[in-house]
Amino acid sequence: MSAMTKKAKNFKKSKAGVYMSIGTTAFGAISVAKQAKLARQENDVLRLVDAAVSAAAIVTGLAILYRELKRLGDDDVLLG
């Protein structure tokens, strides 16, 4: 395993990596909101259901990332 690969894996487990993942996941919510808006305008029930399922996946992903962030914070003595 190269040094660059090790560095990338460590970044994913770092606070900065978790914050970046939260940001990119939240950014996906914009496209889901656009999809839901378009589905409502066209009265397309199937697309609206797809948007709702996608929104649920985003919420679940954000909750998992928040839990990971809290775990990383538990190691920090200053955060209590």
C-alpha atoms as a PDB file:
ATOM      1  CA  MET A   1       0.000   0.000   0.000  1.00  0.00           C
ATOM      2  CA  SER A   2       1.450   3.330  -0.977  1.00  0.00           C
ATOM      3  CA  ALA A   3       1.777   6.294   1.332  1.00  0.00           C
ATOM      4  CA  MET A   4      -0.842   8.179  -0.666  1.00  0.00           C
ATOM      5  CA  THR A   5      -3.376   5.361  -0.202  1.00  0.00           C
ATOM      6  CA  LYS A   6      -2.758   5.268   3.552  1.00  0.00           C
ATOM      7  CA  LYS A   7      -3.162   9.033   3.729  1.00  0.00           C
ATOM      8  CA  ALA A   8      -6.475   8.858   1.845  1.00  0.00           C
ATOM      9  CA  LYS A   9      -7.829   6.142   4.157  1.00  0.00           C
ATOM     10  CA  ASN A  10      -6.829   8.144   7.227  1.00  0.00           C
ATOM     11  CA  PHE A  11      -8.551  11.233   5.801  1.00  0.00           C
ATOM     12  CA  LYS A  12     -11.812   9.339   5.479  1.00  0.00           C
ATOM     13  CA  LYS A  13     -11.725   8.560   9.205  1.00  0.00           C
ATOM     14  CA  SER A  14     -10.751  12.098  10.220  1.00  0.00           C
ATOM     15  CA  LYS A  15     -13.030  14.932  11.306  1.00  0.00           C
ATOM     16  CA  ALA A  16     -12.271  16.834   8.121  1.00  0.00           C
ATOM     17  CA  GLY A  17     -13.217  13.790   6.061  1.00  0.00           C
ATOM     18  CA  VAL A  18     -16.496  13.355   7.916  1.00  0.00           C
ATOM     19  CA  TYR A  19     -17.327  17.046   7.500  1.00  0.00           C
ATOM     20  CA  MET A  20     -16.597  16.746   3.790  1.00  0.00           C
ATOM     21  CA  SER A  21     -18.846  13.692   3.537  1.00  0.00           C
ATOM     22  CA  ILE A  22     -21.630  15.547   5.352  1.00  0.00           C
ATOM     23  CA  GLY A  23     -21.282  18.449   2.925  1.00  0.00           C
ATOM     24  CA  THR A  24     -21.389  16.285  -0.186  1.00  0.00           C
ATOM     25  CA  THR A  25     -24.344  14.304   1.146  1.00  0.00           C
ATOM     26  CA  ALA A  26     -26.224  17.498   1.971  1.00  0.00           C
ATOM     27  CA  PHE A  27     -25.375  18.835  -1.485  1.00  0.00           C
ATOM     28  CA  GLY A  28     -27.232  15.843  -2.932  1.00  0.00           C
ATOM     29  CA  ALA A  29     -30.354  17.117  -1.192  1.00  0.00           C
ATOM     30  CA  ILE A  30     -30.483  19.976  -3.695  1.00  0.00           C
ATOM     31  CA  SER A  31     -31.014  17.608  -6.624  1.00  0.00           C
ATOM     32  CA  VAL A  32     -33.618  15.648  -4.662  1.00  0.00           C
ATOM     33  CA  ALA A  33     -35.494  18.869  -3.904  1.00  0.00           C
ATOM     34  CA  LYS A  34     -35.446  19.802  -7.595  1.00  0.00           C
ATOM     35  CA  GLN A  35     -36.677  16.317  -8.495  1.00  0.00           C
ATOM     36  CA  ALA A  36     -39.538  16.555  -5.991  1.00  0.00           C
ATOM     37  CA  LYS A  37     -40.523  20.019  -7.214  1.00  0.00           C
ATOM     38  CA  LEU A  38     -40.599  18.846 -10.831  1.00  0.00           C
ATOM     39  CA  ALA A  39     -42.593  15.739  -9.876  1.00  0.00           C
ATOM     40  CA  ARG A  40     -45.173  17.863  -8.046  1.00  0.00           C
ATOM     41  CA  GLN A  41     -45.516  20.211 -11.023  1.00  0.00           C
ATOM     42  CA  GLU A  42     -46.053  17.312 -13.419  1.00  0.00           C
ATOM     43  CA  ASN A  43     -48.222  15.332 -10.961  1.00  0.00           C
ATOM     44  CA  ASP A  44     -45.895  12.347 -11.429  1.00  0.00           C
ATOM     45  CA  VAL A  45     -46.479  10.085  -8.444  1.00  0.00           C
ATOM     46  CA  LEU A  46     -43.700   7.647  -9.301  1.00  0.00           C
ATOM     47  CA  ARG A  47     -41.055  10.376  -9.463  1.00  0.00           C
ATOM     48  CA  LEU A  48     -42.389  11.858  -6.239  1.00  0.00           C
ATOM     49  CA  VAL A  49     -42.019   8.486  -4.511  1.00  0.00           C
ATOM     50  CA  ASP A  50     -38.492   8.214  -5.903  1.00  0.00           C
ATOM     51  CA  ALA A  51     -37.658  11.657  -4.508  1.00  0.00           C
ATOM     52  CA  ALA A  52     -39.088  10.702  -1.113  1.00  0.00           C
ATOM     53  CA  VAL A  53     -37.012   7.512  -0.989  1.00  0.00           C
ATOM     54  CA  SER A  54     -33.907   9.451  -2.029  1.00  0.00           C
ATOM     55  CA  ALA A  55     -34.587  12.041   0.662  1.00  0.00           C
ATOM     56  CA  ALA A  56     -34.906   9.278   3.246  1.00  0.00           C
ATOM     57  CA  ALA A  57     -31.558   7.872   2.120  1.00  0.00           C
ATOM     58  CA  ILE A  58     -29.947  11.293   2.482  1.00  0.00           C
ATOM     59  CA  VAL A  59     -31.374  11.761   5.974  1.00  0.00           C
ATOM     60  CA  THR A  60     -30.144   8.312   6.993  1.00  0.00           C
ATOM     61  CA  GLY A  61     -26.699   9.010   5.541  1.00  0.00           C
ATOM     62  CA  LEU A  62     -26.462  12.301   7.407  1.00  0.00           C
ATOM     63  CA  ALA A  63     -27.488  10.594  10.652  1.00  0.00           C
ATOM     64  CA  ILE A  64     -24.771   7.962  10.210  1.00  0.00           C
ATOM     65  CA  LEU A  65     -22.160  10.609   9.473  1.00  0.00           C
ATOM     66  CA  TYR A  66     -23.268  12.629  12.506  1.00  0.00           C
ATOM     67  CA  ARG A  67     -22.887   9.537  14.683  1.00  0.00           C
ATOM     68  CA  GLU A  68     -19.380   8.998  13.281  1.00  0.00           C
ATOM     69  CA  LEU A  69     -18.538  12.617  14.013  1.00  0.00           C
ATOM     70  CA  LYS A  70     -19.721  12.194  17.605  1.00  0.00           C
ATOM     71  CA  ARG A  71     -17.537   9.072  17.938  1.00  0.00           C
ATOM     72  CA  LEU A  72     -14.519  10.967  16.702  1.00  0.00           C
ATOM     73  CA  GLY A  73     -15.341  13.709  19.205  1.00  0.00           C
ATOM     74  CA  ASP A  74     -15.469  11.204  22.077  1.00  0.00           C
ATOM     75  CA  ASP A  75     -11.730  10.657  21.686  1.00  0.00           C
ATOM     76  CA  ASP A  76     -11.072  14.346  22.215  1.00  0.00           C
ATOM     77  CA  VAL A  77     -10.416  15.196  25.870  1.00  0.00           C
ATOM     78  CA  LEU A  78     -11.352  18.853  25.426  1.00  0.00           C
ATOM     79  CA  LEU A  79     -14.829  18.079  24.045  1.00  0.00           C
ATOM     80  CA  GLY A  80     -15.775  16.139  27.190  1.00  0.00           C
END
